[in-house]
Amino acid sequence: MTIHKCLGLDINENETDKKCINFSNYDVIVIDELFRIDPWLMSKLYFELKKVSCKIILIGHSSQIKYISKENYRYDKCD
């Protein structure tokens, strides 16, 4: 499932078009290609996942191609 679909976002508008899924229904959430996620989208996902107490597995390698933006984001160095 895409992050956009999980958060109920329209992929073209970055606006909510439907209800976010209930992350608390899951025991484990796996996020692959971490370093390819847009910083705005990662922020939205972070605040949703902060509300639940499941295990979250982040997969990605800092030497992979980063998300195309004006800056390089190092999620592995974030709080």
PDB file of N, CA and C in Angstrom:
ATOM      1  N   MET A   1       0.851  -1.167   0.000  1.00  0.00           N
ATOM      2  CA  MET A   1       0.000   0.000   0.000  1.00  0.00           C
ATOM      3  C   MET A   1       0.904   1.239   0.000  1.00  0.00           C
ATOM      4  N   THR A   2       0.542   2.244  -0.749  1.00  0.00           N
ATOM      5  CA  THR A   2       1.354   3.462  -0.781  1.00  0.00           C
ATOM      6  C   THR A   2       1.097   4.315   0.460  1.00  0.00           C
ATOM      7  N   ILE A   3       2.027   5.205   0.758  1.00  0.00           N
ATOM      8  CA  ILE A   3       1.866   6.118   1.888  1.00  0.00           C
ATOM      9  C   ILE A   3       0.679   7.039   1.636  1.00  0.00           C
ATOM     10  N   HIS A   4       0.534   7.491   0.393  1.00  0.00           N
ATOM     11  CA  HIS A   4      -0.600   8.353   0.055  1.00  0.00           C
ATOM     12  C   HIS A   4      -1.930   7.664   0.376  1.00  0.00           C
ATOM     13  N   LYS A   5      -2.033   6.397   0.002  1.00  0.00           N
ATOM     14  CA  LYS A   5      -3.273   5.664   0.252  1.00  0.00           C
ATOM     15  C   LYS A   5      -3.495   5.486   1.756  1.00  0.00           C
ATOM     16  N   CYS A   6      -2.439   5.172   2.495  1.00  0.00           N
ATOM     17  CA  CYS A   6      -2.549   5.012   3.952  1.00  0.00           C
ATOM     18  C   CYS A   6      -3.046   6.281   4.631  1.00  0.00           C
ATOM     19  N   LEU A   7      -2.577   7.411   4.159  1.00  0.00           N
ATOM     20  CA  LEU A   7      -2.927   8.689   4.776  1.00  0.00           C
ATOM     21  C   LEU A   7      -4.196   9.307   4.188  1.00  0.00           C
ATOM     22  N   GLY A   8      -4.759   8.658   3.171  1.00  0.00           N
ATOM     23  CA  GLY A   8      -5.970   9.181   2.542  1.00  0.00           C
ATOM     24  C   GLY A   8      -5.719  10.414   1.710  1.00  0.00           C
ATOM     25  N   LEU A   9      -4.544  10.488   1.081  1.00  0.00           N
ATOM     26  CA  LEU A   9      -4.167  11.662   0.301  1.00  0.00           C
ATOM     27  C   LEU A   9      -4.368  11.436  -1.192  1.00  0.00           C
ATOM     28  N   ASP A  10      -4.757  12.497  -1.889  1.00  0.00           N
ATOM     29  CA  ASP A  10      -4.797  12.492  -3.341  1.00  0.00           C
ATOM     30  C   ASP A  10      -3.354  12.650  -3.808  1.00  0.00           C
ATOM     31  N   ILE A  11      -2.868  11.751  -4.608  1.00  0.00           N
ATOM     32  CA  ILE A  11      -1.456  11.737  -5.008  1.00  0.00           C
ATOM     33  C   ILE A  11      -1.044  12.991  -5.780  1.00  0.00           C
ATOM     34  N   ASN A  12      -1.963  13.623  -6.483  1.00  0.00           N
ATOM     35  CA  ASN A  12      -1.622  14.801  -7.267  1.00  0.00           C
ATOM     36  C   ASN A  12      -1.760  16.106  -6.498  1.00  0.00           C
ATOM     37  N   GLU A  13      -2.635  16.135  -5.529  1.00  0.00           N
ATOM     38  CA  GLU A  13      -2.937  17.384  -4.836  1.00  0.00           C
ATOM     39  C   GLU A  13      -2.330  17.467  -3.437  1.00  0.00           C
ATOM     40  N   ASN A  14      -1.886  16.340  -2.871  1.00  0.00           N
ATOM     41  CA  ASN A  14      -1.414  16.270  -1.489  1.00  0.00           C
ATOM     42  C   ASN A  14      -2.459  16.795  -0.500  1.00  0.00           C
ATOM     43  N   GLU A  15      -3.706  16.574  -0.833  1.00  0.00           N
ATOM     44  CA  GLU A  15      -4.803  16.948   0.050  1.00  0.00           C
ATOM     45  C   GLU A  15      -5.593  15.692   0.382  1.00  0.00           C
ATOM     46  N   THR A  16      -6.172  15.676   1.569  1.00  0.00           N
ATOM     47  CA  THR A  16      -6.943  14.523   1.994  1.00  0.00           C
ATOM     48  C   THR A  16      -8.185  14.371   1.133  1.00  0.00           C
ATOM     49  N   ASP A  17      -8.355  13.173   0.568  1.00  0.00           N
ATOM     50  CA  ASP A  17      -9.558  12.920  -0.219  1.00  0.00           C
ATOM     51  C   ASP A  17     -10.410  11.821   0.388  1.00  0.00           C
ATOM     52  N   LYS A  18      -9.905  11.160   1.413  1.00  0.00           N
ATOM     53  CA  LYS A  18     -10.659  10.136   2.119  1.00  0.00           C
ATOM     54  C   LYS A  18     -10.018   9.910   3.485  1.00  0.00           C
ATOM     55  N   LYS A  19     -10.578   9.017   4.239  1.00  0.00           N
ATOM     56  CA  LYS A  19     -10.132   8.785   5.602  1.00  0.00           C
ATOM     57  C   LYS A  19      -8.800   8.018   5.637  1.00  0.00           C
ATOM     58  N   CYS A  20      -7.955   8.413   6.557  1.00  0.00           N
ATOM     59  CA  CYS A  20      -6.683   7.733   6.804  1.00  0.00           C
ATOM     60  C   CYS A  20      -6.976   6.341   7.379  1.00  0.00           C
ATOM     61  N   ILE A  21      -6.146   5.349   7.044  1.00  0.00           N
ATOM     62  CA  ILE A  21      -6.360   4.023   7.623  1.00  0.00           C
ATOM     63  C   ILE A  21      -6.047   4.066   9.114  1.00  0.00           C
ATOM     64  N   ASN A  22      -6.543   3.104   9.847  1.00  0.00           N
ATOM     65  CA  ASN A  22      -6.307   3.019  11.280  1.00  0.00           C
ATOM     66  C   ASN A  22      -5.038   2.192  11.511  1.00  0.00           C
ATOM     67  N   PHE A  23      -3.928   2.864  11.724  1.00  0.00           N
ATOM     68  CA  PHE A  23      -2.650   2.181  11.896  1.00  0.00           C
ATOM     69  C   PHE A  23      -2.628   1.300  13.139  1.00  0.00           C
ATOM     70  N   SER A  24      -3.476   1.562  14.117  1.00  0.00           N
ATOM     71  CA  SER A  24      -3.484   0.769  15.341  1.00  0.00           C
ATOM     72  C   SER A  24      -4.018  -0.650  15.101  1.00  0.00           C
ATOM     73  N   ASN A  25      -4.577  -0.913  13.923  1.00  0.00           N
ATOM     74  CA  ASN A  25      -5.043  -2.263  13.584  1.00  0.00           C
ATOM     75  C   ASN A  25      -3.894  -3.183  13.173  1.00  0.00           C
ATOM     76  N   TYR A  26      -2.682  -2.657  13.106  1.00  0.00           N
ATOM     77  CA  TYR A  26      -1.545  -3.427  12.620  1.00  0.00           C
ATOM     78  C   TYR A  26      -0.523  -3.649  13.732  1.00  0.00           C
ATOM     79  N   ASP A  27       0.108  -4.824  13.716  1.00  0.00           N
ATOM     80  CA  ASP A  27       1.159  -5.142  14.681  1.00  0.00           C
ATOM     81  C   ASP A  27       2.507  -4.591  14.229  1.00  0.00           C
ATOM     82  N   VAL A  28       2.735  -4.619  12.913  1.00  0.00           N
ATOM     83  CA  VAL A  28       4.003  -4.174  12.337  1.00  0.00           C
ATOM     84  C   VAL A  28       3.707  -3.363  11.075  1.00  0.00           C
ATOM     85  N   ILE A  29       4.415  -2.256  10.927  1.00  0.00           N
ATOM     86  CA  ILE A  29       4.327  -1.445   9.717  1.00  0.00           C
ATOM     87  C   ILE A  29       5.729  -1.357   9.134  1.00  0.00           C
ATOM     88  N   VAL A  30       5.874  -1.720   7.860  1.00  0.00           N
ATOM     89  CA  VAL A  30       7.164  -1.702   7.171  1.00  0.00           C
ATOM     90  C   VAL A  30       7.153  -0.577   6.146  1.00  0.00           C
ATOM     91  N   ILE A  31       8.173   0.263   6.214  1.00  0.00           N
ATOM     92  CA  ILE A  31       8.321   1.357   5.249  1.00  0.00           C
ATOM     93  C   ILE A  31       9.625   1.121   4.494  1.00  0.00           C
ATOM     94  N   ASP A  32       9.494   0.872   3.206  1.00  0.00           N
ATOM     95  CA  ASP A  32      10.649   0.591   2.361  1.00  0.00           C
ATOM     96  C   ASP A  32      11.020   1.845   1.574  1.00  0.00           C
ATOM     97  N   GLU A  33      12.268   1.887   1.125  1.00  0.00           N
ATOM     98  CA  GLU A  33      12.779   3.027   0.343  1.00  0.00           C
ATOM     99  C   GLU A  33      12.631   4.335   1.123  1.00  0.00           C
ATOM    100  N   LEU A  34      13.014   4.317   2.371  1.00  0.00           N
ATOM    101  CA  LEU A  34      12.869   5.462   3.262  1.00  0.00           C
ATOM    102  C   LEU A  34      13.452   6.744   2.678  1.00  0.00           C
ATOM    103  N   PHE A  35      14.596   6.660   2.042  1.00  0.00           N
ATOM    104  CA  PHE A  35      15.279   7.859   1.560  1.00  0.00           C
ATOM    105  C   PHE A  35      14.680   8.430   0.275  1.00  0.00           C
ATOM    106  N   ARG A  36      13.679   7.772  -0.269  1.00  0.00           N
ATOM    107  CA  ARG A  36      13.007   8.285  -1.462  1.00  0.00           C
ATOM    108  C   ARG A  36      11.713   9.026  -1.116  1.00  0.00           C
ATOM    109  N   ILE A  37      11.377   9.087   0.174  1.00  0.00           N
ATOM    110  CA  ILE A  37      10.117   9.707   0.585  1.00  0.00           C
ATOM    111  C   ILE A  37      10.269  11.224   0.659  1.00  0.00           C
ATOM    112  N   ASP A  38       9.325  11.913   0.059  1.00  0.00           N
ATOM    113  CA  ASP A  38       9.284  13.364   0.112  1.00  0.00           C
ATOM    114  C   ASP A  38       9.227  13.822   1.578  1.00  0.00           C
ATOM    115  N   PRO A  39      10.002  14.834   1.967  1.00  0.00           N
ATOM    116  CA  PRO A  39      10.006  15.300   3.364  1.00  0.00           C
ATOM    117  C   PRO A  39       8.633  15.711   3.883  1.00  0.00           C
ATOM    118  N   TRP A  40       7.815  16.337   3.062  1.00  0.00           N
ATOM    119  CA  TRP A  40       6.471  16.727   3.486  1.00  0.00           C
ATOM    120  C   TRP A  40       5.639  15.489   3.810  1.00  0.00           C
ATOM    121  N   LEU A  41       5.723  14.472   2.942  1.00  0.00           N
ATOM    122  CA  LEU A  41       4.975  13.242   3.131  1.00  0.00           C
ATOM    123  C   LEU A  41       5.486  12.476   4.352  1.00  0.00           C
ATOM    124  N   MET A  42       6.788  12.480   4.558  1.00  0.00           N
ATOM    125  CA  MET A  42       7.367  11.812   5.726  1.00  0.00           C
ATOM    126  C   MET A  42       6.876  12.467   7.007  1.00  0.00           C
ATOM    127  N   SER A  43       6.759  13.767   6.998  1.00  0.00           N
ATOM    128  CA  SER A  43       6.260  14.494   8.161  1.00  0.00           C
ATOM    129  C   SER A  43       4.817  14.091   8.470  1.00  0.00           C
ATOM    130  N   LYS A  44       3.970  14.020   7.448  1.00  0.00           N
ATOM    131  CA  LYS A  44       2.575  13.597   7.634  1.00  0.00           C
ATOM    132  C   LYS A  44       2.515  12.177   8.197  1.00  0.00           C
ATOM    133  N   LEU A  45       3.326  11.295   7.654  1.00  0.00           N
ATOM    134  CA  LEU A  45       3.359   9.905   8.109  1.00  0.00           C
ATOM    135  C   LEU A  45       3.859   9.812   9.549  1.00  0.00           C
ATOM    136  N   TYR A  46       4.889  10.557   9.869  1.00  0.00           N
ATOM    137  CA  TYR A  46       5.466  10.558  11.218  1.00  0.00           C
ATOM    138  C   TYR A  46       4.413  10.901  12.271  1.00  0.00           C
ATOM    139  N   PHE A  47       3.647  11.956  12.035  1.00  0.00           N
ATOM    140  CA  PHE A  47       2.658  12.373  13.032  1.00  0.00           C
ATOM    141  C   PHE A  47       1.501  11.383  13.154  1.00  0.00           C
ATOM    142  N   GLU A  48       1.189  10.648  12.095  1.00  0.00           N
ATOM    143  CA  GLU A  48       0.163   9.605  12.198  1.00  0.00           C
ATOM    144  C   GLU A  48       0.704   8.399  12.977  1.00  0.00           C
ATOM    145  N   LEU A  49       1.949   8.016  12.697  1.00  0.00           N
ATOM    146  CA  LEU A  49       2.523   6.834  13.356  1.00  0.00           C
ATOM    147  C   LEU A  49       2.841   7.098  14.828  1.00  0.00           C
ATOM    148  N   LYS A  50       3.014   8.349  15.184  1.00  0.00           N
ATOM    149  CA  LYS A  50       3.275   8.713  16.574  1.00  0.00           C
ATOM    150  C   LYS A  50       2.093   8.364  17.487  1.00  0.00           C
ATOM    151  N   LYS A  51       0.913   8.245  16.903  1.00  0.00           N
ATOM    152  CA  LYS A  51      -0.303   7.975  17.657  1.00  0.00           C
ATOM    153  C   LYS A  51      -0.478   6.495  18.021  1.00  0.00           C
ATOM    154  N   VAL A  52       0.307   5.608  17.410  1.00  0.00           N
ATOM    155  CA  VAL A  52       0.113   4.167  17.613  1.00  0.00           C
ATOM    156  C   VAL A  52       1.299   3.541  18.339  1.00  0.00           C
ATOM    157  N   SER A  53       1.100   2.324  18.827  1.00  0.00           N
ATOM    158  CA  SER A  53       2.165   1.652  19.575  1.00  0.00           C
ATOM    159  C   SER A  53       2.568   0.333  18.919  1.00  0.00           C
ATOM    160  N   CYS A  54       2.553   0.283  17.596  1.00  0.00           N
ATOM    161  CA  CYS A  54       2.984  -0.928  16.898  1.00  0.00           C
ATOM    162  C   CYS A  54       4.477  -0.820  16.566  1.00  0.00           C
ATOM    163  N   LYS A  55       5.037  -1.915  16.086  1.00  0.00           N
ATOM    164  CA  LYS A  55       6.433  -1.901  15.644  1.00  0.00           C
ATOM    165  C   LYS A  55       6.494  -1.277  14.256  1.00  0.00           C
ATOM    166  N   ILE A  56       7.515  -0.452  14.042  1.00  0.00           N
ATOM    167  CA  ILE A  56       7.703   0.190  12.752  1.00  0.00           C
ATOM    168  C   ILE A  56       9.098  -0.164  12.253  1.00  0.00           C
ATOM    169  N   ILE A  57       9.166  -0.741  11.070  1.00  0.00           N
ATOM    170  CA  ILE A  57      10.440  -1.131  10.468  1.00  0.00           C
ATOM    171  C   ILE A  57      10.704  -0.211   9.289  1.00  0.00           C
ATOM    172  N   LEU A  58      11.824   0.499   9.343  1.00  0.00           N
ATOM    173  CA  LEU A  58      12.223   1.411   8.268  1.00  0.00           C
ATOM    174  C   LEU A  58      13.360   0.769   7.486  1.00  0.00           C
ATOM    175  N   ILE A  59      13.197   0.707   6.172  1.00  0.00           N
ATOM    176  CA  ILE A  59      14.209   0.092   5.316  1.00  0.00           C
ATOM    177  C   ILE A  59      14.687   1.127   4.301  1.00  0.00           C
ATOM    178  N   GLY A  60      15.974   1.238   4.175  1.00  0.00           N
ATOM    179  CA  GLY A  60      16.548   2.159   3.202  1.00  0.00           C
ATOM    180  C   GLY A  60      18.028   2.293   3.470  1.00  0.00           C
ATOM    181  N   HIS A  61      18.750   2.722   2.489  1.00  0.00           N
ATOM    182  CA  HIS A  61      20.190   2.895   2.640  1.00  0.00           C
ATOM    183  C   HIS A  61      20.557   4.294   2.181  1.00  0.00           C
ATOM    184  N   SER A  62      21.324   5.000   2.990  1.00  0.00           N
ATOM    185  CA  SER A  62      21.652   6.400   2.702  1.00  0.00           C
ATOM    186  C   SER A  62      22.437   6.594   1.410  1.00  0.00           C
ATOM    187  N   SER A  63      23.039   5.540   0.889  1.00  0.00           N
ATOM    188  CA  SER A  63      23.789   5.700  -0.359  1.00  0.00           C
ATOM    189  C   SER A  63      22.898   5.522  -1.590  1.00  0.00           C
ATOM    190  N   GLN A  64      21.625   5.175  -1.376  1.00  0.00           N
ATOM    191  CA  GLN A  64      20.703   5.071  -2.499  1.00  0.00           C
ATOM    192  C   GLN A  64      20.342   6.462  -2.987  1.00  0.00           C
ATOM    193  N   ILE A  65      19.772   6.527  -4.173  1.00  0.00           N
ATOM    194  CA  ILE A  65      19.358   7.807  -4.740  1.00  0.00           C
ATOM    195  C   ILE A  65      18.334   8.437  -3.811  1.00  0.00           C
ATOM    196  N   LYS A  66      18.538   9.692  -3.489  1.00  0.00           N
ATOM    197  CA  LYS A  66      17.648  10.423  -2.594  1.00  0.00           C
ATOM    198  C   LYS A  66      16.420  10.923  -3.355  1.00  0.00           C
ATOM    199  N   TYR A  67      15.421  11.349  -2.596  1.00  0.00           N
ATOM    200  CA  TYR A  67      14.249  11.973  -3.197  1.00  0.00           C
ATOM    201  C   TYR A  67      14.714  13.217  -3.943  1.00  0.00           C
ATOM    202  N   ILE A  68      14.156  13.474  -5.096  1.00  0.00           N
ATOM    203  CA  ILE A  68      14.566  14.621  -5.900  1.00  0.00           C
ATOM    204  C   ILE A  68      13.976  15.887  -5.301  1.00  0.00           C
ATOM    205  N   SER A  69      14.829  16.715  -4.726  1.00  0.00           N
ATOM    206  CA  SER A  69      14.406  17.987  -4.145  1.00  0.00           C
ATOM    207  C   SER A  69      15.605  18.920  -4.105  1.00  0.00           C
ATOM    208  N   LYS A  70      15.422  20.105  -3.548  1.00  0.00           N
ATOM    209  CA  LYS A  70      16.494  21.091  -3.489  1.00  0.00           C
ATOM    210  C   LYS A  70      17.551  20.737  -2.453  1.00  0.00           C
ATOM    211  N   GLU A  71      17.180  19.910  -1.483  1.00  0.00           N
ATOM    212  CA  GLU A  71      18.105  19.545  -0.414  1.00  0.00           C
ATOM    213  C   GLU A  71      18.135  18.041  -0.243  1.00  0.00           C
ATOM    214  N   ASN A  72      19.216  17.533   0.330  1.00  0.00           N
ATOM    215  CA  ASN A  72      19.289  16.125   0.696  1.00  0.00           C
ATOM    216  C   ASN A  72      18.807  15.981   2.124  1.00  0.00           C
ATOM    217  N   TYR A  73      17.908  15.051   2.371  1.00  0.00           N
ATOM    218  CA  TYR A  73      17.375  14.822   3.706  1.00  0.00           C
ATOM    219  C   TYR A  73      17.960  13.541   4.257  1.00  0.00           C
ATOM    220  N   ARG A  74      18.491  13.616   5.453  1.00  0.00           N
ATOM    221  CA  ARG A  74      19.081  12.457   6.104  1.00  0.00           C
ATOM    222  C   ARG A  74      18.180  12.014   7.248  1.00  0.00           C
ATOM    223  N   TYR A  75      17.175  11.200   6.939  1.00  0.00           N
ATOM    224  CA  TYR A  75      16.247  10.725   7.959  1.00  0.00           C
ATOM    225  C   TYR A  75      16.953   9.865   9.009  1.00  0.00           C
ATOM    226  N   ASP A  76      18.086   9.279   8.626  1.00  0.00           N
ATOM    227  CA  ASP A  76      18.818   8.476   9.596  1.00  0.00           C
ATOM    228  C   ASP A  76      19.495   9.333  10.660  1.00  0.00           C
ATOM    229  N   LYS A  77      19.548  10.634  10.476  1.00  0.00           N
ATOM    230  CA  LYS A  77      20.159  11.555  11.445  1.00  0.00           C
ATOM    231  C   LYS A  77      19.113  12.351  12.224  1.00  0.00           C
ATOM    232  N   CYS A  78      17.825  12.046  11.982  1.00  0.00           N
ATOM    233  CA  CYS A  78      16.748  12.790  12.651  1.00  0.00           C
ATOM    234  C   CYS A  78      16.442  12.201  14.026  1.00  0.00           C
ATOM    235  N   ASP A  79      15.745  12.994  14.823  1.00  0.00           N
ATOM    236  CA  ASP A  79      15.297  12.532  16.144  1.00  0.00           C
ATOM    237  C   ASP A  79      14.238  11.466  15.988  1.00  0.00           C
TER     238      ASP A  79
END
